[in-house]
């Protein structure tokens, strides 16, 4: 993640998606995974504003969590 390459936004997005998946697979019990996902999604929003997430590759639940993080960081 410390590499400042052009794929950094994609890396943050999919790392966040992986944490979100672990959160949902735990039945919503492992809230630390949710917080890690939200942190990655918020970092992505700050560092790569032009990034457009690949919506076709994630579940609606993960997309919803991503949208929650983005709308929460816009405040």
PDB file of N, CA and C in Angstrom:
ATOM      1  N   UNK A   1       0.817  -1.186   0.000  1.00  0.00           N
ATOM      2  CA  UNK A   1       0.000   0.000   0.000  1.00  0.00           C
ATOM      3  C   UNK A   1       0.863   1.252   0.000  1.00  0.00           C
ATOM      4  N   UNK A   2       2.094   1.139   0.462  1.00  0.00           N
ATOM      5  CA  UNK A   2       2.949   2.313   0.505  1.00  0.00           C
ATOM      6  C   UNK A   2       3.510   2.686  -0.853  1.00  0.00           C
ATOM      7  N   UNK A   3       3.359   1.807  -1.822  1.00  0.00           N
ATOM      8  CA  UNK A   3       3.796   2.115  -3.173  1.00  0.00           C
ATOM      9  C   UNK A   3       2.823   3.126  -3.761  1.00  0.00           C
ATOM     10  N   UNK A   4       3.338   4.181  -4.323  1.00  0.00           N
ATOM     11  CA  UNK A   4       2.483   5.258  -4.828  1.00  0.00           C
ATOM     12  C   UNK A   4       2.181   5.092  -6.316  1.00  0.00           C
ATOM     13  N   UNK A   5       1.963   3.885  -6.755  1.00  0.00           N
ATOM     14  CA  UNK A   5       1.683   3.599  -8.154  1.00  0.00           C
ATOM     15  C   UNK A   5       0.264   3.970  -8.548  1.00  0.00           C
ATOM     16  N   UNK A   6      -0.005   3.815  -9.824  1.00  0.00           N
ATOM     17  CA  UNK A   6      -1.320   4.217 -10.342  1.00  0.00           C
ATOM     18  C   UNK A   6      -2.434   3.253  -9.951  1.00  0.00           C
ATOM     19  N   UNK A   7      -2.099   2.099  -9.417  1.00  0.00           N
ATOM     20  CA  UNK A   7      -3.100   1.113  -8.990  1.00  0.00           C
ATOM     21  C   UNK A   7      -3.381   1.180  -7.491  1.00  0.00           C
ATOM     22  N   UNK A   8      -2.896   2.207  -6.834  1.00  0.00           N
ATOM     23  CA  UNK A   8      -3.054   2.315  -5.388  1.00  0.00           C
ATOM     24  C   UNK A   8      -4.531   2.364  -4.984  1.00  0.00           C
ATOM     25  N   UNK A   9      -5.337   3.122  -5.715  1.00  0.00           N
ATOM     26  CA  UNK A   9      -6.762   3.201  -5.415  1.00  0.00           C
ATOM     27  C   UNK A   9      -7.434   1.849  -5.503  1.00  0.00           C
ATOM     28  N   UNK A  10      -7.087   1.098  -6.526  1.00  0.00           N
ATOM     29  CA  UNK A  10      -7.654  -0.240  -6.702  1.00  0.00           C
ATOM     30  C   UNK A  10      -7.243  -1.154  -5.545  1.00  0.00           C
ATOM     31  N   UNK A  11      -5.997  -1.015  -5.094  1.00  0.00           N
ATOM     32  CA  UNK A  11      -5.517  -1.832  -3.977  1.00  0.00           C
ATOM     33  C   UNK A  11      -6.290  -1.508  -2.702  1.00  0.00           C
ATOM     34  N   UNK A  12      -6.496  -0.215  -2.414  1.00  0.00           N
ATOM     35  CA  UNK A  12      -7.270   0.160  -1.230  1.00  0.00           C
ATOM     36  C   UNK A  12      -8.708  -0.345  -1.326  1.00  0.00           C
ATOM     37  N   UNK A  13      -9.282  -0.237  -2.513  1.00  0.00           N
ATOM     38  CA  UNK A  13     -10.665  -0.674  -2.678  1.00  0.00           C
ATOM     39  C   UNK A  13     -10.804  -2.165  -2.395  1.00  0.00           C
ATOM     40  N   UNK A  14      -9.940  -2.979  -3.004  1.00  0.00           N
ATOM     41  CA  UNK A  14     -10.081  -4.421  -2.822  1.00  0.00           C
ATOM     42  C   UNK A  14      -9.623  -4.886  -1.439  1.00  0.00           C
ATOM     43  N   UNK A  15      -8.697  -4.169  -0.804  1.00  0.00           N
ATOM     44  CA  UNK A  15      -8.372  -4.522   0.578  1.00  0.00           C
ATOM     45  C   UNK A  15      -9.579  -4.222   1.467  1.00  0.00           C
ATOM     46  N   UNK A  16     -10.229  -3.088   1.223  1.00  0.00           N
ATOM     47  CA  UNK A  16     -11.447  -2.761   1.964  1.00  0.00           C
ATOM     48  C   UNK A  16     -12.537  -3.784   1.709  1.00  0.00           C
ATOM     49  N   UNK A  17     -12.656  -4.224   0.459  1.00  0.00           N
ATOM     50  CA  UNK A  17     -13.662  -5.234   0.116  1.00  0.00           C
ATOM     51  C   UNK A  17     -13.368  -6.560   0.821  1.00  0.00           C
ATOM     52  N   UNK A  18     -12.091  -6.895   0.958  1.00  0.00           N
ATOM     53  CA  UNK A  18     -11.721  -8.130   1.658  1.00  0.00           C
ATOM     54  C   UNK A  18     -12.091  -8.033   3.143  1.00  0.00           C
ATOM     55  N   UNK A  19     -11.809  -6.886   3.752  1.00  0.00           N
ATOM     56  CA  UNK A  19     -12.194  -6.700   5.159  1.00  0.00           C
ATOM     57  C   UNK A  19     -13.715  -6.732   5.311  1.00  0.00           C
ATOM     58  N   UNK A  20     -14.410  -6.100   4.381  1.00  0.00           N
ATOM     59  CA  UNK A  20     -15.880  -6.102   4.437  1.00  0.00           C
ATOM     60  C   UNK A  20     -16.417  -7.523   4.302  1.00  0.00           C
ATOM     61  N   UNK A  21     -15.822  -8.312   3.429  1.00  0.00           N
ATOM     62  CA  UNK A  21     -16.246  -9.708   3.264  1.00  0.00           C
ATOM     63  C   UNK A  21     -16.077 -10.479   4.559  1.00  0.00           C
ATOM     64  N   UNK A  22     -14.947 -10.276   5.220  1.00  0.00           N
ATOM     65  CA  UNK A  22     -14.707 -10.971   6.500  1.00  0.00           C
ATOM     66  C   UNK A  22     -15.727 -10.527   7.548  1.00  0.00           C
ATOM     67  N   UNK A  23     -16.082  -9.243   7.533  1.00  0.00           N
ATOM     68  CA  UNK A  23     -17.094  -8.741   8.461  1.00  0.00           C
ATOM     69  C   UNK A  23     -18.443  -9.410   8.196  1.00  0.00           C
ATOM     70  N   UNK A  24     -18.863  -9.450   6.939  1.00  0.00           N
ATOM     71  CA  UNK A  24     -20.158 -10.049   6.622  1.00  0.00           C
ATOM     72  C   UNK A  24     -20.153 -11.558   6.848  1.00  0.00           C
ATOM     73  N   UNK A  25     -19.036 -12.221   6.576  1.00  0.00           N
ATOM     74  CA  UNK A  25     -18.948 -13.663   6.811  1.00  0.00           C
ATOM     75  C   UNK A  25     -18.985 -14.006   8.299  1.00  0.00           C
ATOM     76  N   UNK A  26     -18.581 -13.054   9.138  1.00  0.00           N
ATOM     77  CA  UNK A  26     -18.644 -13.289  10.583  1.00  0.00           C
ATOM     78  C   UNK A  26     -20.057 -13.074  11.116  1.00  0.00           C
ATOM     79  N   UNK A  27     -20.977 -12.737  10.233  1.00  0.00           N
ATOM     80  CA  UNK A  27     -22.345 -12.474  10.652  1.00  0.00           C
ATOM     81  C   UNK A  27     -22.501 -11.097  11.281  1.00  0.00           C
ATOM     82  N   UNK A  28     -21.544 -10.212  10.974  1.00  0.00           N
ATOM     83  CA  UNK A  28     -21.600  -8.866  11.516  1.00  0.00           C
ATOM     84  C   UNK A  28     -21.053  -8.762  12.931  1.00  0.00           C
ATOM     85  N   UNK A  29     -20.380  -9.831  13.382  1.00  0.00           N
ATOM     86  CA  UNK A  29     -19.864  -9.869  14.751  1.00  0.00           C
ATOM     87  C   UNK A  29     -18.482  -9.210  14.837  1.00  0.00           C
ATOM     88  N   UNK A  30     -17.643  -9.447  13.840  1.00  0.00           N
ATOM     89  CA  UNK A  30     -16.263  -8.938  13.862  1.00  0.00           C
ATOM     90  C   UNK A  30     -16.232  -7.492  13.378  1.00  0.00           C
ATOM     91  N   UNK A  31     -16.598  -6.581  14.265  1.00  0.00           N
ATOM     92  CA  UNK A  31     -16.696  -5.171  13.884  1.00  0.00           C
ATOM     93  C   UNK A  31     -15.344  -4.544  13.574  1.00  0.00           C
ATOM     94  N   UNK A  32     -14.265  -5.178  14.045  1.00  0.00           N
ATOM     95  CA  UNK A  32     -12.942  -4.639  13.703  1.00  0.00           C
ATOM     96  C   UNK A  32     -12.705  -4.736  12.198  1.00  0.00           C
ATOM     97  N   UNK A  33     -13.229  -5.781  11.569  1.00  0.00           N
ATOM     98  CA  UNK A  33     -13.098  -5.914  10.117  1.00  0.00           C
ATOM     99  C   UNK A  33     -13.904  -4.831   9.396  1.00  0.00           C
ATOM    100  N   UNK A  34     -15.060  -4.511   9.941  1.00  0.00           N
ATOM    101  CA  UNK A  34     -15.874  -3.440   9.346  1.00  0.00           C
ATOM    102  C   UNK A  34     -15.130  -2.112   9.436  1.00  0.00           C
ATOM    103  N   UNK A  35     -14.532  -1.839  10.587  1.00  0.00           N
ATOM    104  CA  UNK A  35     -13.791  -0.587  10.768  1.00  0.00           C
ATOM    105  C   UNK A  35     -12.585  -0.516   9.830  1.00  0.00           C
ATOM    106  N   UNK A  36     -11.900  -1.645   9.631  1.00  0.00           N
ATOM    107  CA  UNK A  36     -10.775  -1.674   8.694  1.00  0.00           C
ATOM    108  C   UNK A  36     -11.246  -1.410   7.271  1.00  0.00           C
ATOM    109  N   UNK A  37     -12.392  -1.982   6.907  1.00  0.00           N
ATOM    110  CA  UNK A  37     -12.951  -1.751   5.571  1.00  0.00           C
ATOM    111  C   UNK A  37     -13.300  -0.278   5.391  1.00  0.00           C
ATOM    112  N   UNK A  38     -13.982   0.296   6.362  1.00  0.00           N
ATOM    113  CA  UNK A  38     -14.360   1.707   6.272  1.00  0.00           C
ATOM    114  C   UNK A  38     -13.126   2.605   6.191  1.00  0.00           C
ATOM    115  N   UNK A  39     -12.087   2.266   6.955  1.00  0.00           N
ATOM    116  CA  UNK A  39     -10.851   3.055   6.922  1.00  0.00           C
ATOM    117  C   UNK A  39     -10.213   3.011   5.537  1.00  0.00           C
ATOM    118  N   UNK A  40     -10.166   1.828   4.924  1.00  0.00           N
ATOM    119  CA  UNK A  40      -9.602   1.720   3.569  1.00  0.00           C
ATOM    120  C   UNK A  40     -10.443   2.499   2.565  1.00  0.00           C
ATOM    121  N   UNK A  41     -11.750   2.393   2.660  1.00  0.00           N
ATOM    122  CA  UNK A  41     -12.617   3.108   1.725  1.00  0.00           C
ATOM    123  C   UNK A  41     -12.484   4.621   1.897  1.00  0.00           C
ATOM    124  N   UNK A  42     -12.353   5.073   3.124  1.00  0.00           N
ATOM    125  CA  UNK A  42     -12.188   6.519   3.367  1.00  0.00           C
ATOM    126  C   UNK A  42     -10.828   7.007   2.869  1.00  0.00           C
ATOM    127  N   UNK A  43      -9.785   6.209   3.086  1.00  0.00           N
ATOM    128  CA  UNK A  43      -8.459   6.572   2.589  1.00  0.00           C
ATOM    129  C   UNK A  43      -8.470   6.655   1.077  1.00  0.00           C
ATOM    130  N   UNK A  44      -9.136   5.725   0.474  1.00  0.00           N
ATOM    131  CA  UNK A  44      -9.268   5.725  -0.981  1.00  0.00           C
ATOM    132  C   UNK A  44      -9.923   7.018  -1.454  1.00  0.00           C
ATOM    133  N   UNK A  45     -10.954   7.430  -0.773  1.00  0.00           N
ATOM    134  CA  UNK A  45     -11.676   8.643  -1.154  1.00  0.00           C
ATOM    135  C   UNK A  45     -10.782   9.876  -1.016  1.00  0.00           C
ATOM    136  N   UNK A  46      -9.921   9.912  -0.008  1.00  0.00           N
ATOM    137  CA  UNK A  46      -9.032  11.056   0.198  1.00  0.00           C
ATOM    138  C   UNK A  46      -7.868  11.052  -0.785  1.00  0.00           C
ATOM    139  N   UNK A  47      -7.276   9.875  -1.014  1.00  0.00           N
ATOM    140  CA  UNK A  47      -6.051   9.783  -1.805  1.00  0.00           C
ATOM    141  C   UNK A  47      -6.275   9.667  -3.311  1.00  0.00           C
ATOM    142  N   UNK A  48      -7.380   9.098  -3.712  1.00  0.00           N
ATOM    143  CA  UNK A  48      -7.607   8.836  -5.147  1.00  0.00           C
ATOM    144  C   UNK A  48      -9.015   9.280  -5.536  1.00  0.00           C
ATOM    145  N   UNK A  49      -9.245  10.559  -5.491  1.00  0.00           N
ATOM    146  CA  UNK A  49     -10.589  11.089  -5.743  1.00  0.00           C
ATOM    147  C   UNK A  49     -11.128  10.745  -7.133  1.00  0.00           C
ATOM    148  N   UNK A  50     -10.266  10.557  -8.100  1.00  0.00           N
ATOM    149  CA  UNK A  50     -10.699  10.246  -9.463  1.00  0.00           C
ATOM    150  C   UNK A  50     -11.010   8.763  -9.660  1.00  0.00           C
ATOM    151  N   UNK A  51     -10.720   7.956  -8.656  1.00  0.00           N
ATOM    152  CA  UNK A  51     -10.920   6.509  -8.761  1.00  0.00           C
ATOM    153  C   UNK A  51     -12.398   6.166  -8.850  1.00  0.00           C
ATOM    154  N   UNK A  52     -12.726   5.301  -9.786  1.00  0.00           N
ATOM    155  CA  UNK A  52     -14.079   4.778  -9.931  1.00  0.00           C
ATOM    156  C   UNK A  52     -14.035   3.285  -9.608  1.00  0.00           C
ATOM    157  N   UNK A  53     -14.689   2.874  -8.527  1.00  0.00           N
ATOM    158  CA  UNK A  53     -14.640   1.461  -8.131  1.00  0.00           C
ATOM    159  C   UNK A  53     -15.301   0.554  -9.156  1.00  0.00           C
ATOM    160  N   UNK A  54     -14.781  -0.655  -9.299  1.00  0.00           N
ATOM    161  CA  UNK A  54     -15.361  -1.627 -10.218  1.00  0.00           C
ATOM    162  C   UNK A  54     -16.603  -2.269  -9.609  1.00  0.00           C
ATOM    163  N   UNK A  55     -17.720  -1.628  -9.773  1.00  0.00           N
ATOM    164  CA  UNK A  55     -18.963  -2.046  -9.118  1.00  0.00           C
ATOM    165  C   UNK A  55     -19.393  -3.475  -9.490  1.00  0.00           C
ATOM    166  N   UNK A  56     -19.067  -3.906 -10.695  1.00  0.00           N
ATOM    167  CA  UNK A  56     -19.486  -5.234 -11.161  1.00  0.00           C
ATOM    168  C   UNK A  56     -18.801  -6.380 -10.416  1.00  0.00           C
ATOM    169  N   UNK A  57     -17.748  -6.077  -9.677  1.00  0.00           N
ATOM    170  CA  UNK A  57     -16.965  -7.138  -9.047  1.00  0.00           C
ATOM    171  C   UNK A  57     -17.215  -7.308  -7.555  1.00  0.00           C
ATOM    172  N   UNK A  58     -18.140  -6.554  -6.998  1.00  0.00           N
ATOM    173  CA  UNK A  58     -18.398  -6.671  -5.562  1.00  0.00           C
ATOM    174  C   UNK A  58     -19.889  -6.852  -5.312  1.00  0.00           C
ATOM    175  N   UNK A  59     -20.182  -7.426  -4.162  1.00  0.00           N
ATOM    176  CA  UNK A  59     -21.583  -7.680  -3.818  1.00  0.00           C
ATOM    177  C   UNK A  59     -22.287  -6.381  -3.439  1.00  0.00           C
ATOM    178  N   UNK A  60     -23.613  -6.378  -3.493  1.00  0.00           N
ATOM    179  CA  UNK A  60     -24.363  -5.186  -3.083  1.00  0.00           C
ATOM    180  C   UNK A  60     -24.095  -4.791  -1.622  1.00  0.00           C
ATOM    181  N   UNK A  61     -23.847  -5.756  -0.756  1.00  0.00           N
ATOM    182  CA  UNK A  61     -23.549  -5.440   0.646  1.00  0.00           C
ATOM    183  C   UNK A  61     -22.249  -4.658   0.768  1.00  0.00           C
ATOM    184  N   UNK A  62     -21.231  -5.098   0.043  1.00  0.00           N
ATOM    185  CA  UNK A  62     -19.942  -4.398   0.088  1.00  0.00           C
ATOM    186  C   UNK A  62     -20.080  -3.021  -0.551  1.00  0.00           C
ATOM    187  N   UNK A  63     -20.813  -2.949  -1.648  1.00  0.00           N
ATOM    188  CA  UNK A  63     -21.037  -1.655  -2.300  1.00  0.00           C
ATOM    189  C   UNK A  63     -21.752  -0.698  -1.345  1.00  0.00           C
ATOM    190  N   UNK A  64     -22.687  -1.197  -0.590  1.00  0.00           N
ATOM    191  CA  UNK A  64     -23.417  -0.379   0.371  1.00  0.00           C
ATOM    192  C   UNK A  64     -22.476   0.148   1.457  1.00  0.00           C
ATOM    193  N   UNK A  65     -21.589  -0.704   1.949  1.00  0.00           N
ATOM    194  CA  UNK A  65     -20.629  -0.283   2.962  1.00  0.00           C
ATOM    195  C   UNK A  65     -19.670   0.759   2.387  1.00  0.00           C
ATOM    196  N   UNK A  66     -19.236   0.552   1.150  1.00  0.00           N
ATOM    197  CA  UNK A  66     -18.378   1.533   0.472  1.00  0.00           C
ATOM    198  C   UNK A  66     -19.108   2.873   0.358  1.00  0.00           C
ATOM    199  N   UNK A  67     -20.354   2.847  -0.065  1.00  0.00           N
ATOM    200  CA  UNK A  67     -21.141   4.076  -0.208  1.00  0.00           C
ATOM    201  C   UNK A  67     -21.310   4.781   1.136  1.00  0.00           C
ATOM    202  N   UNK A  68     -21.501   4.003   2.197  1.00  0.00           N
ATOM    203  CA  UNK A  68     -21.613   4.560   3.541  1.00  0.00           C
ATOM    204  C   UNK A  68     -20.331   5.287   3.926  1.00  0.00           C
ATOM    205  N   UNK A  69     -19.183   4.690   3.627  1.00  0.00           N
ATOM    206  CA  UNK A  69     -17.902   5.307   3.960  1.00  0.00           C
ATOM    207  C   UNK A  69     -17.676   6.582   3.164  1.00  0.00           C
ATOM    208  N   UNK A  70     -18.019   6.544   1.893  1.00  0.00           N
ATOM    209  CA  UNK A  70     -17.815   7.713   1.026  1.00  0.00           C
ATOM    210  C   UNK A  70     -18.727   8.859   1.440  1.00  0.00           C
ATOM    211  N   UNK A  71     -19.975   8.557   1.718  1.00  0.00           N
ATOM    212  CA  UNK A  71     -20.899   9.623   2.104  1.00  0.00           C
ATOM    213  C   UNK A  71     -20.557  10.152   3.488  1.00  0.00           C
ATOM    214  N   UNK A  72     -20.037   9.303   4.348  1.00  0.00           N
ATOM    215  CA  UNK A  72     -19.637   9.730   5.681  1.00  0.00           C
ATOM    216  C   UNK A  72     -18.405  10.612   5.666  1.00  0.00           C
ATOM    217  N   UNK A  73     -17.498  10.385   4.702  1.00  0.00           N
ATOM    218  CA  UNK A  73     -16.286  11.196   4.634  1.00  0.00           C
ATOM    219  C   UNK A  73     -16.523  12.513   3.921  1.00  0.00           C
ATOM    220  N   UNK A  74     -17.653  12.626   3.236  1.00  0.00           N
ATOM    221  CA  UNK A  74     -17.947  13.870   2.515  1.00  0.00           C
ATOM    222  C   UNK A  74     -18.451  14.962   3.450  1.00  0.00           C
ATOM    223  N   UNK A  75     -18.820  14.588   4.665  1.00  0.00           N
ATOM    224  CA  UNK A  75     -19.370  15.563   5.608  1.00  0.00           C
ATOM    225  C   UNK A  75     -18.334  16.479   6.174  1.00  0.00           C
TER     226      UNK A  75
END
